[in-house]
């Protein structure tokens, strides 16, 4: 059985592509460029943060709410 010439050339091209291995990146993709800081917060303070978050529209995530509150506190200190 003979293959048509066009199919024969395509077959060779496909087979050469399969020989090359693509290196997979390991781990989770980077989600941000900032530094990660772990902080323990008492339940009373966490409740206050959650109350502040509930008043915001749209409601920010907890990390975003903490970032905004820290920025607000730093701006108030400058004045």
PDB file of N, CA and C in Angstrom:
ATOM      1  N   UNK A   1       0.839  -1.168   0.000  1.00  0.00           N
ATOM      2  CA  UNK A   1       0.000   0.000   0.000  1.00  0.00           C
ATOM      3  C   UNK A   1       0.889   1.237   0.000  1.00  0.00           C
ATOM      4  N   UNK A   2       0.601   2.173  -0.837  1.00  0.00           N
ATOM      5  CA  UNK A   2       1.384   3.391  -0.944  1.00  0.00           C
ATOM      6  C   UNK A   2       0.575   4.578  -0.450  1.00  0.00           C
ATOM      7  N   UNK A   3       1.254   5.480   0.258  1.00  0.00           N
ATOM      8  CA  UNK A   3       0.615   6.692   0.733  1.00  0.00           C
ATOM      9  C   UNK A   3       0.773   7.786  -0.318  1.00  0.00           C
ATOM     10  N   UNK A   4      -0.203   8.659  -0.445  1.00  0.00           N
ATOM     11  CA  UNK A   4      -0.040   9.804  -1.349  1.00  0.00           C
ATOM     12  C   UNK A   4       1.143  10.645  -0.888  1.00  0.00           C
ATOM     13  N   UNK A   5       1.774  11.336  -1.806  1.00  0.00           N
ATOM     14  CA  UNK A   5       2.989  12.089  -1.520  1.00  0.00           C
ATOM     15  C   UNK A   5       2.750  13.159  -0.433  1.00  0.00           C
ATOM     16  N   UNK A   6       1.646  13.893  -0.513  1.00  0.00           N
ATOM     17  CA  UNK A   6       1.351  14.930   0.479  1.00  0.00           C
ATOM     18  C   UNK A   6       1.202  14.351   1.871  1.00  0.00           C
ATOM     19  N   UNK A   7       0.554  13.214   1.997  1.00  0.00           N
ATOM     20  CA  UNK A   7       0.368  12.569   3.293  1.00  0.00           C
ATOM     21  C   UNK A   7       1.696  12.040   3.820  1.00  0.00           C
ATOM     22  N   UNK A   8       2.526  11.559   2.962  1.00  0.00           N
ATOM     23  CA  UNK A   8       3.835  11.053   3.356  1.00  0.00           C
ATOM     24  C   UNK A   8       4.703  12.172   3.931  1.00  0.00           C
ATOM     25  N   UNK A   9       4.674  13.349   3.310  1.00  0.00           N
ATOM     26  CA  UNK A   9       5.453  14.482   3.814  1.00  0.00           C
ATOM     27  C   UNK A   9       4.885  14.992   5.139  1.00  0.00           C
ATOM     28  N   UNK A  10       3.571  15.013   5.282  1.00  0.00           N
ATOM     29  CA  UNK A  10       2.939  15.454   6.521  1.00  0.00           C
ATOM     30  C   UNK A  10       3.278  14.486   7.657  1.00  0.00           C
ATOM     31  N   UNK A  11       3.291  13.202   7.356  1.00  0.00           N
ATOM     32  CA  UNK A  11       3.592  12.181   8.353  1.00  0.00           C
ATOM     33  C   UNK A  11       4.999  12.390   8.902  1.00  0.00           C
ATOM     34  N   UNK A  12       5.940  12.674   8.035  1.00  0.00           N
ATOM     35  CA  UNK A  12       7.317  12.902   8.474  1.00  0.00           C
ATOM     36  C   UNK A  12       7.396  14.139   9.369  1.00  0.00           C
ATOM     37  N   UNK A  13       6.678  15.220   9.006  1.00  0.00           N
ATOM     38  CA  UNK A  13       6.699  16.457   9.775  1.00  0.00           C
ATOM     39  C   UNK A  13       6.092  16.235  11.166  1.00  0.00           C
ATOM     40  N   UNK A  14       5.001  15.493  11.246  1.00  0.00           N
ATOM     41  CA  UNK A  14       4.342  15.213  12.516  1.00  0.00           C
ATOM     42  C   UNK A  14       5.242  14.359  13.399  1.00  0.00           C
ATOM     43  N   UNK A  15       5.877  13.370  12.844  1.00  0.00           N
ATOM     44  CA  UNK A  15       6.717  12.477  13.627  1.00  0.00           C
ATOM     45  C   UNK A  15       7.952  13.203  14.169  1.00  0.00           C
ATOM     46  N   UNK A  16       8.499  14.164  13.435  1.00  0.00           N
ATOM     47  CA  UNK A  16       9.661  14.888  13.941  1.00  0.00           C
ATOM     48  C   UNK A  16       9.264  15.808  15.086  1.00  0.00           C
ATOM     49  N   UNK A  17       8.038  16.334  15.087  1.00  0.00           N
ATOM     50  CA  UNK A  17       7.575  17.179  16.178  1.00  0.00           C
ATOM     51  C   UNK A  17       7.381  16.370  17.456  1.00  0.00           C
ATOM     52  N   UNK A  18       7.021  15.120  17.346  1.00  0.00           N
ATOM     53  CA  UNK A  18       6.782  14.301  18.516  1.00  0.00           C
ATOM     54  C   UNK A  18       8.072  13.951  19.251  1.00  0.00           C
ATOM     55  N   UNK A  19       9.186  14.014  18.573  1.00  0.00           N
ATOM     56  CA  UNK A  19      10.452  13.679  19.205  1.00  0.00           C
ATOM     57  C   UNK A  19      10.901  14.734  20.201  1.00  0.00           C
ATOM     58  N   UNK A  20      10.484  15.983  19.999  1.00  0.00           N
ATOM     59  CA  UNK A  20      10.907  17.065  20.876  1.00  0.00           C
ATOM     60  C   UNK A  20      10.044  17.049  22.136  1.00  0.00           C
ATOM     61  N   UNK A  21      10.692  17.039  23.278  1.00  0.00           N
ATOM     62  CA  UNK A  21       9.962  17.064  24.532  1.00  0.00           C
ATOM     63  C   UNK A  21       9.837  18.503  25.008  1.00  0.00           C
ATOM     64  N   UNK A  22       8.664  18.851  25.469  1.00  0.00           N
ATOM     65  CA  UNK A  22       8.420  20.183  25.992  1.00  0.00           C
ATOM     66  C   UNK A  22       8.575  20.119  27.505  1.00  0.00           C
ATOM     67  N   UNK A  23       9.474  20.918  28.039  1.00  0.00           N
ATOM     68  CA  UNK A  23       9.712  20.928  29.484  1.00  0.00           C
ATOM     69  C   UNK A  23       8.546  21.625  30.173  1.00  0.00           C
ATOM     70  N   UNK A  24       7.966  20.963  31.150  1.00  0.00           N
ATOM     71  CA  UNK A  24       6.866  21.550  31.900  1.00  0.00           C
ATOM     72  C   UNK A  24       7.420  22.342  33.071  1.00  0.00           C
ATOM     73  N   UNK A  25       6.775  23.470  33.333  1.00  0.00           N
ATOM     74  CA  UNK A  25       7.169  24.258  34.483  1.00  0.00           C
ATOM     75  C   UNK A  25       6.588  23.609  35.726  1.00  0.00           C
ATOM     76  N   UNK A  26       7.352  23.591  36.784  1.00  0.00           N
ATOM     77  CA  UNK A  26       6.911  22.948  38.018  1.00  0.00           C
ATOM     78  C   UNK A  26       6.353  23.985  38.972  1.00  0.00           C
ATOM     79  N   UNK A  27       5.405  23.573  39.773  1.00  0.00           N
ATOM     80  CA  UNK A  27       4.853  24.426  40.811  1.00  0.00           C
ATOM     81  C   UNK A  27       3.707  25.284  40.319  1.00  0.00           C
ATOM     82  N   UNK A  28       3.165  26.059  41.238  1.00  0.00           N
ATOM     83  CA  UNK A  28       2.059  26.948  40.918  1.00  0.00           C
ATOM     84  C   UNK A  28       2.576  28.162  40.170  1.00  0.00           C
ATOM     85  N   UNK A  29       1.747  28.740  39.318  1.00  0.00           N
ATOM     86  CA  UNK A  29       2.174  29.961  38.638  1.00  0.00           C
ATOM     87  C   UNK A  29       2.231  31.133  39.623  1.00  0.00           C
ATOM     88  N   UNK A  30       3.075  32.079  39.344  1.00  0.00           N
ATOM     89  CA  UNK A  30       3.195  33.253  40.194  1.00  0.00           C
ATOM     90  C   UNK A  30       1.910  34.067  40.123  1.00  0.00           C
ATOM     91  N   UNK A  31       1.373  34.450  41.268  1.00  0.00           N
ATOM     92  CA  UNK A  31       0.117  35.202  41.280  1.00  0.00           C
ATOM     93  C   UNK A  31       0.314  36.658  41.642  1.00  0.00           C
ATOM     94  N   UNK A  32       1.439  37.017  42.116  1.00  0.00           N
ATOM     95  CA  UNK A  32       1.683  38.403  42.489  1.00  0.00           C
ATOM     96  C   UNK A  32       3.161  38.682  42.572  1.00  0.00           C
ATOM     97  N   UNK A  33       3.480  39.954  42.642  1.00  0.00           N
ATOM     98  CA  UNK A  33       4.891  40.319  42.693  1.00  0.00           C
ATOM     99  C   UNK A  33       5.290  40.840  44.061  1.00  0.00           C
ATOM    100  N   UNK A  34       4.315  41.007  44.960  1.00  0.00           N
ATOM    101  CA  UNK A  34       4.610  41.533  46.285  1.00  0.00           C
ATOM    102  C   UNK A  34       5.176  40.476  47.212  1.00  0.00           C
ATOM    103  N   UNK A  35       5.665  40.948  48.335  1.00  0.00           N
ATOM    104  CA  UNK A  35       6.232  40.068  49.351  1.00  0.00           C
ATOM    105  C   UNK A  35       5.111  39.502  50.211  1.00  0.00           C
ATOM    106  N   UNK A  36       5.179  38.247  50.560  1.00  0.00           N
ATOM    107  CA  UNK A  36       4.183  37.614  51.413  1.00  0.00           C
ATOM    108  C   UNK A  36       4.596  37.768  52.870  1.00  0.00           C
ATOM    109  N   UNK A  37       3.627  38.238  53.682  1.00  0.00           N
ATOM    110  CA  UNK A  37       3.875  38.409  55.116  1.00  0.00           C
ATOM    111  C   UNK A  37       2.750  37.705  55.859  1.00  0.00           C
ATOM    112  N   UNK A  38       3.104  36.745  56.679  1.00  0.00           N
ATOM    113  CA  UNK A  38       2.103  36.026  57.467  1.00  0.00           C
ATOM    114  C   UNK A  38       1.852  36.755  58.782  1.00  0.00           C
ATOM    115  N   UNK A  39       0.581  36.954  59.116  1.00  0.00           N
ATOM    116  CA  UNK A  39       0.214  37.693  60.323  1.00  0.00           C
ATOM    117  C   UNK A  39      -0.879  36.936  61.055  1.00  0.00           C
ATOM    118  N   UNK A  40      -0.739  36.803  62.366  1.00  0.00           N
ATOM    119  CA  UNK A  40      -1.815  36.226  63.182  1.00  0.00           C
ATOM    120  C   UNK A  40      -2.653  37.380  63.717  1.00  0.00           C
ATOM    121  N   UNK A  41      -3.978  37.231  63.583  1.00  0.00           N
ATOM    122  CA  UNK A  41      -4.894  38.280  64.015  1.00  0.00           C
ATOM    123  C   UNK A  41      -5.882  37.670  64.998  1.00  0.00           C
ATOM    124  N   UNK A  42      -6.070  38.339  66.124  1.00  0.00           N
ATOM    125  CA  UNK A  42      -7.015  37.853  67.131  1.00  0.00           C
ATOM    126  C   UNK A  42      -8.434  37.928  66.576  1.00  0.00           C
ATOM    127  N   UNK A  43      -9.304  37.103  67.141  1.00  0.00           N
ATOM    128  CA  UNK A  43     -10.666  36.999  66.604  1.00  0.00           C
ATOM    129  C   UNK A  43     -11.432  38.313  66.704  1.00  0.00           C
ATOM    130  N   UNK A  44     -11.171  39.122  67.741  1.00  0.00           N
ATOM    131  CA  UNK A  44     -11.861  40.407  67.870  1.00  0.00           C
ATOM    132  C   UNK A  44     -11.483  41.353  66.730  1.00  0.00           C
ATOM    133  N   UNK A  45     -10.184  41.409  66.417  1.00  0.00           N
ATOM    134  CA  UNK A  45      -9.718  42.262  65.327  1.00  0.00           C
ATOM    135  C   UNK A  45     -10.218  41.737  63.984  1.00  0.00           C
ATOM    136  N   UNK A  46     -10.238  40.421  63.814  1.00  0.00           N
ATOM    137  CA  UNK A  46     -10.743  39.829  62.578  1.00  0.00           C
ATOM    138  C   UNK A  46     -12.218  40.165  62.379  1.00  0.00           C
ATOM    139  N   UNK A  47     -12.979  40.190  63.473  1.00  0.00           N
ATOM    140  CA  UNK A  47     -14.402  40.556  63.383  1.00  0.00           C
ATOM    141  C   UNK A  47     -14.554  42.010  62.969  1.00  0.00           C
ATOM    142  N   UNK A  48     -13.688  42.893  63.483  1.00  0.00           N
ATOM    143  CA  UNK A  48     -13.728  44.299  63.077  1.00  0.00           C
ATOM    144  C   UNK A  48     -13.379  44.458  61.602  1.00  0.00           C
ATOM    145  N   UNK A  49     -12.387  43.712  61.146  1.00  0.00           N
ATOM    146  CA  UNK A  49     -12.005  43.763  59.728  1.00  0.00           C
ATOM    147  C   UNK A  49     -13.156  43.265  58.864  1.00  0.00           C
ATOM    148  N   UNK A  50     -13.797  42.167  59.275  1.00  0.00           N
ATOM    149  CA  UNK A  50     -14.929  41.633  58.518  1.00  0.00           C
ATOM    150  C   UNK A  50     -16.101  42.616  58.490  1.00  0.00           C
ATOM    151  N   UNK A  51     -16.315  43.341  59.590  1.00  0.00           N
ATOM    152  CA  UNK A  51     -17.353  44.364  59.617  1.00  0.00           C
ATOM    153  C   UNK A  51     -17.048  45.489  58.637  1.00  0.00           C
ATOM    154  N   UNK A  52     -15.786  45.905  58.595  1.00  0.00           N
ATOM    155  CA  UNK A  52     -15.377  46.945  57.650  1.00  0.00           C
ATOM    156  C   UNK A  52     -15.537  46.463  56.214  1.00  0.00           C
ATOM    157  N   UNK A  53     -15.155  45.213  55.984  1.00  0.00           N
ATOM    158  CA  UNK A  53     -15.284  44.633  54.631  1.00  0.00           C
ATOM    159  C   UNK A  53     -16.733  44.645  54.165  1.00  0.00           C
ATOM    160  N   UNK A  54     -17.654  44.294  55.067  1.00  0.00           N
ATOM    161  CA  UNK A  54     -19.072  44.197  54.705  1.00  0.00           C
ATOM    162  C   UNK A  54     -19.634  45.541  54.264  1.00  0.00           C
ATOM    163  N   UNK A  55     -19.053  46.648  54.771  1.00  0.00           N
ATOM    164  CA  UNK A  55     -19.533  47.980  54.412  1.00  0.00           C
ATOM    165  C   UNK A  55     -18.993  48.450  53.059  1.00  0.00           C
ATOM    166  N   UNK A  56     -17.994  47.772  52.519  1.00  0.00           N
ATOM    167  CA  UNK A  56     -17.379  48.180  51.256  1.00  0.00           C
ATOM    168  C   UNK A  56     -18.146  47.594  50.077  1.00  0.00           C
ATOM    169  N   UNK A  57     -18.152  48.310  48.968  1.00  0.00           N
ATOM    170  CA  UNK A  57     -18.773  47.801  47.729  1.00  0.00           C
ATOM    171  C   UNK A  57     -17.800  47.955  46.593  1.00  0.00           C
ATOM    172  N   UNK A  58     -17.447  46.939  45.873  1.00  0.00           N
ATOM    173  CA  UNK A  58     -17.734  45.533  46.144  1.00  0.00           C
ATOM    174  C   UNK A  58     -16.933  45.053  47.353  1.00  0.00           C
ATOM    175  N   UNK A  59     -17.400  43.989  47.965  1.00  0.00           N
ATOM    176  CA  UNK A  59     -16.749  43.480  49.168  1.00  0.00           C
ATOM    177  C   UNK A  59     -15.369  42.920  48.799  1.00  0.00           C
ATOM    178  N   UNK A  60     -14.306  43.480  49.389  1.00  0.00           N
ATOM    179  CA  UNK A  60     -12.957  42.984  49.078  1.00  0.00           C
ATOM    180  C   UNK A  60     -12.661  41.674  49.808  1.00  0.00           C
ATOM    181  N   UNK A  61     -11.678  40.960  49.319  1.00  0.00           N
ATOM    182  CA  UNK A  61     -11.232  39.757  50.020  1.00  0.00           C
ATOM    183  C   UNK A  61     -10.549  40.185  51.325  1.00  0.00           C
ATOM    184  N   UNK A  62     -10.338  39.251  52.213  1.00  0.00           N
ATOM    185  CA  UNK A  62      -9.681  39.595  53.476  1.00  0.00           C
ATOM    186  C   UNK A  62      -8.286  40.187  53.262  1.00  0.00           C
ATOM    187  N   UNK A  63      -7.444  39.576  52.424  1.00  0.00           N
ATOM    188  CA  UNK A  63      -6.124  40.181  52.215  1.00  0.00           C
ATOM    189  C   UNK A  63      -6.210  41.591  51.628  1.00  0.00           C
ATOM    190  N   UNK A  64      -7.118  41.790  50.682  1.00  0.00           N
ATOM    191  CA  UNK A  64      -7.270  43.120  50.081  1.00  0.00           C
ATOM    192  C   UNK A  64      -7.764  44.125  51.116  1.00  0.00           C
ATOM    193  N   UNK A  65      -8.693  43.709  51.983  1.00  0.00           N
ATOM    194  CA  UNK A  65      -9.198  44.594  53.034  1.00  0.00           C
ATOM    195  C   UNK A  65      -8.072  44.992  53.982  1.00  0.00           C
ATOM    196  N   UNK A  66      -7.242  44.041  54.356  1.00  0.00           N
ATOM    197  CA  UNK A  66      -6.119  44.336  55.264  1.00  0.00           C
ATOM    198  C   UNK A  66      -5.140  45.290  54.592  1.00  0.00           C
ATOM    199  N   UNK A  67      -4.857  45.075  53.295  1.00  0.00           N
ATOM    200  CA  UNK A  67      -3.969  45.991  52.564  1.00  0.00           C
ATOM    201  C   UNK A  67      -4.537  47.412  52.575  1.00  0.00           C
ATOM    202  N   UNK A  68      -5.847  47.543  52.286  1.00  0.00           N
ATOM    203  CA  UNK A  68      -6.471  48.870  52.252  1.00  0.00           C
ATOM    204  C   UNK A  68      -6.438  49.541  53.621  1.00  0.00           C
ATOM    205  N   UNK A  69      -6.712  48.780  54.674  1.00  0.00           N
ATOM    206  CA  UNK A  69      -6.690  49.351  56.011  1.00  0.00           C
ATOM    207  C   UNK A  69      -5.287  49.791  56.423  1.00  0.00           C
ATOM    208  N   UNK A  70      -4.285  49.022  56.061  1.00  0.00           N
ATOM    209  CA  UNK A  70      -2.903  49.404  56.374  1.00  0.00           C
ATOM    210  C   UNK A  70      -2.532  50.672  55.610  1.00  0.00           C
ATOM    211  N   UNK A  71      -2.886  50.752  54.335  1.00  0.00           N
ATOM    212  CA  UNK A  71      -2.600  51.952  53.543  1.00  0.00           C
ATOM    213  C   UNK A  71      -3.298  53.175  54.135  1.00  0.00           C
ATOM    214  N   UNK A  72      -4.560  53.006  54.544  1.00  0.00           N
ATOM    215  CA  UNK A  72      -5.308  54.097  55.152  1.00  0.00           C
ATOM    216  C   UNK A  72      -4.645  54.543  56.457  1.00  0.00           C
ATOM    217  N   UNK A  73      -4.217  53.602  57.269  1.00  0.00           N
ATOM    218  CA  UNK A  73      -3.533  53.930  58.517  1.00  0.00           C
ATOM    219  C   UNK A  73      -2.230  54.647  58.285  1.00  0.00           C
ATOM    220  N   UNK A  74      -1.471  54.241  57.281  1.00  0.00           N
ATOM    221  CA  UNK A  74      -0.199  54.895  56.986  1.00  0.00           C
ATOM    222  C   UNK A  74      -0.420  56.307  56.455  1.00  0.00           C
ATOM    223  N   UNK A  75      -1.450  56.515  55.644  1.00  0.00           N
ATOM    224  CA  UNK A  75      -1.752  57.852  55.130  1.00  0.00           C
ATOM    225  C   UNK A  75      -2.192  58.770  56.263  1.00  0.00           C
ATOM    226  N   UNK A  76      -2.970  58.245  57.202  1.00  0.00           N
ATOM    227  CA  UNK A  76      -3.430  59.047  58.330  1.00  0.00           C
ATOM    228  C   UNK A  76      -2.259  59.432  59.234  1.00  0.00           C
ATOM    229  N   UNK A  77      -1.299  58.565  59.364  1.00  0.00           N
ATOM    230  CA  UNK A  77      -0.133  58.843  60.202  1.00  0.00           C
ATOM    231  C   UNK A  77       0.709  59.956  59.599  1.00  0.00           C
ATOM    232  N   UNK A  78       0.768  60.021  58.255  1.00  0.00           N
ATOM    233  CA  UNK A  78       1.563  61.044  57.573  1.00  0.00           C
ATOM    234  C   UNK A  78       1.001  62.449  57.792  1.00  0.00           C
ATOM    235  N   UNK A  79      -0.316  62.553  57.940  1.00  0.00           N
ATOM    236  CA  UNK A  79      -0.962  63.874  58.081  1.00  0.00           C
ATOM    237  C   UNK A  79      -0.812  64.443  59.418  1.00  0.00           C
TER     238      UNK A  79
END
